[in-house]
Amino acid sequence: MSSPLTAPLAVALRRWVLGVFPRGQSGIDYDAPAGDPGLFGPDSGTWRVHADFPGMLAGGLCALMLQALHPQVLAGVWDHSDFRDDLVGRLRRTTGFVAGTSFAGTAEAERLITRVRTIHTHVRGTTADGTPYAANDPALLSWVHASEAYAFLQGFRTYAGVEMPVWAQDRYYAEGHRVAAALGAIEIPASRAAMAAYFDAVRPALRYDDRAREVLQVLSRIRLPVPGATLSRGLFLGAGAALLPPWAERMLGITTLQRARHRACARALRGLAPLFHIALPDGAGARACRRVGVSPSILRTWPPPEPTSG
């Protein structure tokens, strides 16, 4: 709940968020049709995890760092996007897709998936060493999905200020099959154990090469169209890096000093997180809740676990 002391800070944070991610530009309707739960619905872990802004932004940045380690996924970004000149635009488009498939009605979510599948058919080429790639390759789609699911979950656990039961973590991973499979992924980790095994299997294919270094340098210099851009950029990038699994930190050559700085950013974002919740009571998650006739307050609690057979 806002107070005279926190209200000005919440207003400033809201202005910052809407400056980076303006409302209404995606054309996605979260308010209709009434009663439509979309692909996930109010009992899902997806609604809770994806409604948390600090965790999702930090998690999204963490996911980009992980994705840069896959040479074929990175080649698609390198060859077919304007990430060097419009990284903010790329983040906005990705955010719109994740929010739309998470919270919009069923037909709208399916429209977004179809659109991305169509785009993927045109994204193909070869890596710097001549290895062919295609964005609709199920293995590459699996890596993109897994890196995002892992990072979003860790972002929620670290910054949401809501305890996430172990069963809810497994449920969240299992729910990811709905969008990942619709996009064409095949190997879709459906639990914490499956995610750990998946990372172990993929790690030999990952590289931290010159292209990955350049992409991460571009990310570190991202120009946010808001006041205090340098400070906020550093905070969220550090908070995102703090979510990386230890093996990725080693691969990226993160030093002890850098790790300490990332942990400091994580502590700062945890401190600010309640203000983001005050500042953003009307996001896509809240609108989806109202569409199906439930209070947005459910997004800060967990439904009962599903009963197990036997």
Protein backbone atom coordinates (compact mmCIF):
# COMPACT_ATOMS: atom_id res chain seq x y z
CA MET A 1 0.00 0.00 0.00
CA SER A 2 1.27 3.46 -0.90
CA SER A 3 2.14 6.01 1.79
CA PRO A 4 3.04 9.72 1.67
CA LEU A 5 6.69 8.68 1.73
CA THR A 6 6.53 6.03 -0.96
CA ALA A 7 3.98 7.65 -3.30
CA PRO A 8 6.46 10.00 -5.05
CA LEU A 9 8.90 7.15 -5.59
CA ALA A 10 6.13 4.95 -6.98
CA VAL A 11 5.09 7.72 -9.36
CA ALA A 12 8.69 8.11 -10.55
CA LEU A 13 9.04 4.36 -11.07
CA ARG A 14 5.79 4.24 -13.01
CA ARG A 15 7.01 7.05 -15.26
CA TRP A 16 10.27 5.15 -15.79
CA VAL A 17 8.53 1.87 -16.68
CA LEU A 18 6.08 3.49 -19.09
CA GLY A 19 8.94 5.41 -20.68
CA VAL A 20 10.76 2.18 -21.48
CA PHE A 21 7.65 0.08 -22.19
CA PRO A 22 4.84 2.39 -23.35
CA ARG A 23 1.31 1.08 -23.08
CA GLY A 24 -0.94 0.52 -26.09
CA GLN A 25 1.71 0.20 -28.81
CA SER A 26 1.43 -3.57 -29.21
CA GLY A 27 -2.25 -3.51 -30.16
CA ILE A 28 -2.90 -6.46 -27.83
CA ASP A 29 -6.31 -6.48 -26.13
CA TYR A 30 -6.12 -7.87 -22.59
CA ASP A 31 -9.70 -6.94 -21.63
CA ALA A 32 -11.73 -9.15 -23.99
CA PRO A 33 -13.37 -11.53 -24.47
CA ALA A 34 -14.83 -11.59 -20.98
CA GLY A 35 -14.30 -14.87 -19.19
CA ASP A 36 -11.63 -16.16 -21.60
CA PRO A 37 -8.72 -17.52 -19.51
CA GLY A 38 -6.31 -17.52 -22.45
CA LEU A 39 -3.63 -20.18 -22.68
CA PHE A 40 -2.95 -20.33 -18.93
CA GLY A 41 -5.61 -18.87 -16.67
CA PRO A 42 -5.76 -17.57 -13.10
CA ASP A 43 -4.58 -20.77 -11.39
CA SER A 44 -1.35 -20.91 -13.38
CA GLY A 45 2.16 -20.25 -12.22
CA THR A 46 2.68 -18.41 -15.51
CA TRP A 47 0.27 -15.63 -14.57
CA ARG A 48 2.05 -15.09 -11.27
CA VAL A 49 5.61 -15.22 -12.57
CA HIS A 50 4.95 -13.13 -15.67
CA ALA A 51 3.00 -10.45 -13.80
CA ASP A 52 6.02 -9.47 -11.71
CA PHE A 53 7.78 -6.59 -13.47
CA PRO A 54 11.16 -6.53 -11.64
CA GLY A 55 11.63 -10.27 -11.99
CA MET A 56 10.59 -10.28 -15.63
CA LEU A 57 12.86 -7.41 -16.68
CA ALA A 58 15.88 -8.75 -14.80
CA GLY A 59 15.03 -12.26 -15.99
CA GLY A 60 14.69 -11.11 -19.58
CA LEU A 61 18.15 -9.57 -19.49
CA CYS A 62 19.54 -12.75 -17.94
CA ALA A 63 17.91 -14.76 -20.74
CA LEU A 64 19.58 -12.55 -23.38
CA MET A 65 22.96 -13.23 -21.76
CA LEU A 66 22.31 -16.97 -21.86
CA GLN A 67 21.02 -16.91 -25.43
CA ALA A 68 24.17 -15.10 -26.60
CA LEU A 69 26.15 -18.22 -25.68
CA HIS A 70 24.46 -20.36 -28.36
CA PRO A 71 26.25 -19.73 -31.69
CA GLN A 72 23.29 -20.65 -33.91
CA VAL A 73 20.72 -18.69 -31.91
CA LEU A 74 23.10 -15.75 -31.80
CA ALA A 75 23.66 -15.91 -35.56
CA GLY A 76 19.94 -15.42 -36.13
CA VAL A 77 20.03 -12.26 -34.04
CA TRP A 78 23.29 -11.13 -35.65
CA ASP A 79 22.09 -11.58 -39.23
CA HIS A 80 18.39 -10.78 -39.03
CA SER A 81 17.83 -8.06 -36.44
CA ASP A 82 18.76 -4.45 -35.82
CA PHE A 83 19.86 -5.10 -32.25
CA ARG A 84 22.83 -2.74 -32.57
CA ASP A 85 20.61 0.27 -33.31
CA ASP A 86 17.29 -0.66 -31.72
CA LEU A 87 17.85 -2.99 -28.80
CA VAL A 88 15.08 -1.26 -26.84
CA GLY A 89 12.68 -1.98 -29.70
CA ARG A 90 13.71 -5.63 -29.66
CA LEU A 91 13.09 -5.80 -25.90
CA ARG A 92 9.67 -4.20 -26.36
CA ARG A 93 8.68 -6.69 -29.05
CA THR A 94 9.81 -9.64 -26.96
CA THR A 95 8.01 -8.24 -23.92
CA GLY A 96 4.83 -7.80 -25.97
CA PHE A 97 4.96 -11.39 -27.18
CA VAL A 98 5.52 -12.85 -23.72
CA ALA A 99 2.81 -10.68 -22.16
CA GLY A 100 0.37 -11.36 -24.98
CA THR A 101 0.77 -15.12 -24.98
CA SER A 102 0.62 -15.14 -21.18
CA PHE A 103 -2.33 -12.85 -20.50
CA ALA A 104 -4.37 -12.16 -23.65
CA GLY A 105 -7.41 -14.19 -24.66
CA THR A 106 -6.93 -17.47 -26.49
CA ALA A 107 -7.45 -16.20 -30.05
CA GLU A 108 -5.11 -13.24 -29.51
CA ALA A 109 -2.40 -15.45 -28.04
CA GLU A 110 -2.69 -17.88 -30.94
CA ARG A 111 -2.48 -14.99 -33.41
CA LEU A 112 0.79 -13.85 -31.84
CA ILE A 113 2.23 -17.37 -32.01
CA THR A 114 1.25 -17.74 -35.68
CA ARG A 115 2.86 -14.39 -36.48
CA VAL A 116 6.16 -15.37 -34.83
CA ARG A 117 6.16 -18.76 -36.55
CA THR A 118 5.76 -16.98 -39.88
CA ILE A 119 8.66 -14.64 -39.11
CA HIS A 120 10.84 -17.60 -38.15
CA THR A 121 10.46 -19.19 -41.60
CA HIS A 122 12.53 -16.34 -43.06
CA VAL A 123 15.32 -16.42 -40.45
CA ARG A 124 18.04 -18.76 -41.66
CA GLY A 125 21.68 -18.68 -42.65
CA THR A 126 25.07 -19.89 -41.43
CA THR A 127 27.14 -19.12 -38.35
CA ALA A 128 30.60 -17.56 -38.52
CA ASP A 129 32.12 -21.06 -38.85
CA GLY A 130 29.68 -22.13 -41.58
CA THR A 131 27.19 -24.11 -39.51
CA PRO A 132 23.67 -23.73 -40.92
CA TYR A 133 20.88 -22.44 -38.70
CA ALA A 134 17.15 -21.80 -39.00
CA ALA A 135 14.98 -20.03 -36.45
CA ASN A 136 12.31 -22.72 -36.77
CA ASP A 137 14.80 -25.46 -35.83
CA PRO A 138 13.18 -27.23 -32.84
CA ALA A 139 16.52 -27.45 -31.01
CA LEU A 140 17.10 -23.69 -31.24
CA LEU A 141 13.53 -22.96 -30.20
CA SER A 142 14.03 -25.23 -27.20
CA TRP A 143 17.14 -23.28 -26.14
CA VAL A 144 15.37 -19.92 -26.44
CA HIS A 145 12.41 -21.21 -24.46
CA ALA A 146 14.49 -22.93 -21.76
CA SER A 147 16.78 -19.95 -21.20
CA GLU A 148 13.79 -17.63 -20.83
CA ALA A 149 11.81 -19.97 -18.59
CA TYR A 150 14.81 -20.49 -16.31
CA ALA A 151 15.58 -16.78 -16.11
CA PHE A 152 11.97 -15.67 -15.57
CA LEU A 153 11.53 -18.21 -12.78
CA GLN A 154 14.76 -17.15 -11.08
CA GLY A 155 13.75 -13.51 -11.48
CA PHE A 156 10.45 -14.17 -9.70
CA ARG A 157 12.08 -16.17 -6.92
CA THR A 158 14.69 -13.46 -6.37
CA TYR A 159 12.73 -10.22 -6.74
CA ALA A 160 8.99 -10.81 -6.35
CA GLY A 161 9.01 -10.95 -2.57
CA VAL A 162 6.66 -13.96 -2.72
CA GLU A 163 7.76 -17.42 -1.61
CA MET A 164 7.43 -19.88 -4.49
CA PRO A 165 6.78 -23.48 -3.43
CA VAL A 166 8.80 -26.20 -5.10
CA TRP A 167 5.68 -27.69 -6.68
CA ALA A 168 4.82 -24.30 -8.16
CA GLN A 169 8.24 -24.08 -9.78
CA ASP A 170 7.71 -27.43 -11.46
CA ARG A 171 4.21 -26.40 -12.49
CA TYR A 172 5.53 -23.21 -14.08
CA TYR A 173 8.07 -25.16 -16.15
CA ALA A 174 5.42 -27.68 -17.21
CA GLU A 175 3.06 -24.91 -18.33
CA GLY A 176 5.70 -23.54 -20.69
CA HIS A 177 5.00 -26.43 -23.05
CA ARG A 178 1.87 -24.65 -24.30
CA VAL A 179 3.68 -21.81 -26.07
CA ALA A 180 7.02 -23.53 -26.71
CA ALA A 181 5.40 -26.49 -28.48
CA ALA A 182 3.11 -24.21 -30.47
CA LEU A 183 6.22 -22.38 -31.74
CA GLY A 184 7.82 -25.68 -32.75
CA ALA A 185 10.09 -26.60 -29.84
CA ILE A 186 10.31 -30.30 -29.01
CA GLU A 187 12.63 -30.71 -26.03
CA ILE A 188 10.79 -28.69 -23.39
CA PRO A 189 11.96 -29.11 -19.77
CA ALA A 190 8.88 -29.63 -17.58
CA SER A 191 10.47 -29.56 -14.11
CA ARG A 192 13.46 -28.21 -12.21
CA ALA A 193 15.24 -31.55 -12.61
CA ALA A 194 14.50 -31.63 -16.34
CA MET A 195 15.79 -28.08 -16.74
CA ALA A 196 19.06 -28.95 -14.99
CA ALA A 197 19.47 -32.03 -17.19
CA TYR A 198 18.68 -29.99 -20.31
CA PHE A 199 21.36 -27.40 -19.48
CA ASP A 200 23.89 -30.17 -18.87
CA ALA A 201 23.09 -31.64 -22.30
CA VAL A 202 23.32 -28.33 -24.20
CA ARG A 203 26.37 -26.83 -22.51
CA PRO A 204 28.94 -28.51 -24.83
CA ALA A 205 27.38 -26.62 -27.77
CA LEU A 206 27.68 -23.20 -26.10
CA ARG A 207 30.47 -20.71 -26.81
CA TYR A 208 31.59 -17.35 -25.50
CA ASP A 209 33.16 -16.05 -28.69
CA ASP A 210 33.78 -12.67 -30.30
CA ARG A 211 30.19 -12.34 -31.51
CA ALA A 212 28.82 -13.11 -28.07
CA ARG A 213 31.16 -10.53 -26.56
CA GLU A 214 30.01 -7.86 -29.00
CA VAL A 215 26.32 -8.57 -28.41
CA LEU A 216 26.79 -8.39 -24.64
CA GLN A 217 28.74 -5.15 -25.05
CA VAL A 218 25.81 -3.72 -27.00
CA LEU A 219 23.52 -4.87 -24.19
CA SER A 220 25.74 -3.20 -21.59
CA ARG A 221 25.43 0.11 -23.47
CA ILE A 222 21.69 -0.04 -24.12
CA ARG A 223 20.24 3.48 -24.34
CA LEU A 224 17.02 3.67 -22.34
CA PRO A 225 14.71 6.58 -23.30
CA VAL A 226 14.20 7.70 -19.69
CA PRO A 227 15.85 9.98 -17.11
CA GLY A 228 18.57 8.28 -15.07
CA ALA A 229 19.12 5.79 -17.88
CA THR A 230 22.71 4.92 -16.97
CA LEU A 231 21.93 4.19 -13.32
CA SER A 232 18.81 2.15 -14.04
CA ARG A 233 20.54 0.27 -16.86
CA GLY A 234 23.35 -0.74 -14.53
CA LEU A 235 20.92 -1.78 -11.81
CA PHE A 236 18.84 -4.08 -14.02
CA LEU A 237 21.79 -5.51 -15.93
CA GLY A 238 23.52 -6.32 -12.66
CA ALA A 239 20.33 -7.78 -11.20
CA GLY A 240 19.91 -9.85 -14.36
CA ALA A 241 23.49 -11.13 -14.26
CA ALA A 242 22.96 -12.13 -10.63
CA LEU A 243 20.42 -14.71 -11.88
CA LEU A 244 22.91 -16.54 -14.13
CA PRO A 245 23.64 -20.15 -13.20
CA PRO A 246 27.21 -20.67 -11.91
CA TRP A 247 28.31 -22.49 -15.07
CA ALA A 248 27.27 -19.47 -17.19
CA GLU A 249 29.11 -17.09 -14.88
CA ARG A 250 32.26 -19.16 -15.40
CA MET A 251 31.77 -19.31 -19.17
CA LEU A 252 31.32 -15.53 -19.33
CA GLY A 253 34.44 -15.00 -17.24
CA ILE A 254 32.62 -13.04 -14.54
CA THR A 255 35.16 -12.04 -11.90
CA THR A 256 34.74 -12.08 -8.14
CA LEU A 257 34.46 -8.29 -8.14
CA GLN A 258 31.82 -8.34 -10.89
CA ARG A 259 29.88 -11.03 -9.05
CA ALA A 260 29.88 -8.90 -5.91
CA ARG A 261 28.59 -5.93 -7.90
CA HIS A 262 25.83 -8.08 -9.41
CA ARG A 263 24.79 -9.26 -5.94
CA ALA A 264 24.68 -5.64 -4.77
CA CYS A 265 22.38 -4.78 -7.69
CA ALA A 266 20.19 -7.74 -6.77
CA ARG A 267 19.87 -6.48 -3.19
CA ALA A 268 18.97 -3.01 -4.44
CA LEU A 269 16.28 -4.34 -6.79
CA ARG A 270 14.80 -6.50 -4.03
CA GLY A 271 14.52 -3.34 -1.96
CA LEU A 272 12.79 -1.46 -4.78
CA ALA A 273 10.47 -4.31 -5.82
CA PRO A 274 7.57 -3.40 -3.48
CA LEU A 275 7.51 0.07 -5.00
CA PHE A 276 7.16 -1.41 -8.49
CA HIS A 277 4.15 -3.38 -7.26
CA ILE A 278 2.59 -0.17 -5.95
CA ALA A 279 3.44 1.72 -9.14
CA LEU A 280 2.03 -0.87 -11.56
CA PRO A 281 -1.38 -2.07 -10.32
CA ASP A 282 -2.83 -2.11 -13.84
CA GLY A 283 -0.50 -4.26 -15.90
CA ALA A 284 -1.44 -7.05 -18.28
CA GLY A 285 -1.76 -9.57 -15.44
CA ALA A 286 -4.21 -7.40 -13.52
CA ARG A 287 -6.25 -6.78 -16.69
CA ALA A 288 -6.39 -10.51 -17.40
CA CYS A 289 -7.61 -11.14 -13.85
CA ARG A 290 -10.42 -8.63 -14.29
CA ARG A 291 -11.30 -10.18 -17.66
CA VAL A 292 -12.01 -13.52 -15.97
CA GLY A 293 -13.64 -11.97 -12.90
CA VAL A 294 -11.02 -12.52 -10.21
CA SER A 295 -9.10 -10.08 -8.05
CA PRO A 296 -5.56 -9.22 -9.16
CA SER A 297 -4.54 -9.94 -5.56
CA ILE A 298 -4.41 -13.65 -6.50
CA LEU A 299 -1.20 -12.94 -8.36
CA ARG A 300 0.57 -12.60 -4.98
CA THR A 301 -0.67 -15.95 -3.63
CA TRP A 302 -0.60 -19.58 -4.76
CA PRO A 303 -3.57 -21.83 -5.54
CA PRO A 304 -3.58 -25.28 -3.88
CA PRO A 305 -1.19 -27.78 -5.48
CA GLU A 306 -2.72 -30.23 -7.86
CA PRO A 307 -3.48 -33.56 -6.16
CA THR A 308 -1.16 -36.44 -6.98
CA SER A 309 -2.53 -39.81 -7.99
CA GLY A 310 -2.05 -42.82 -5.76
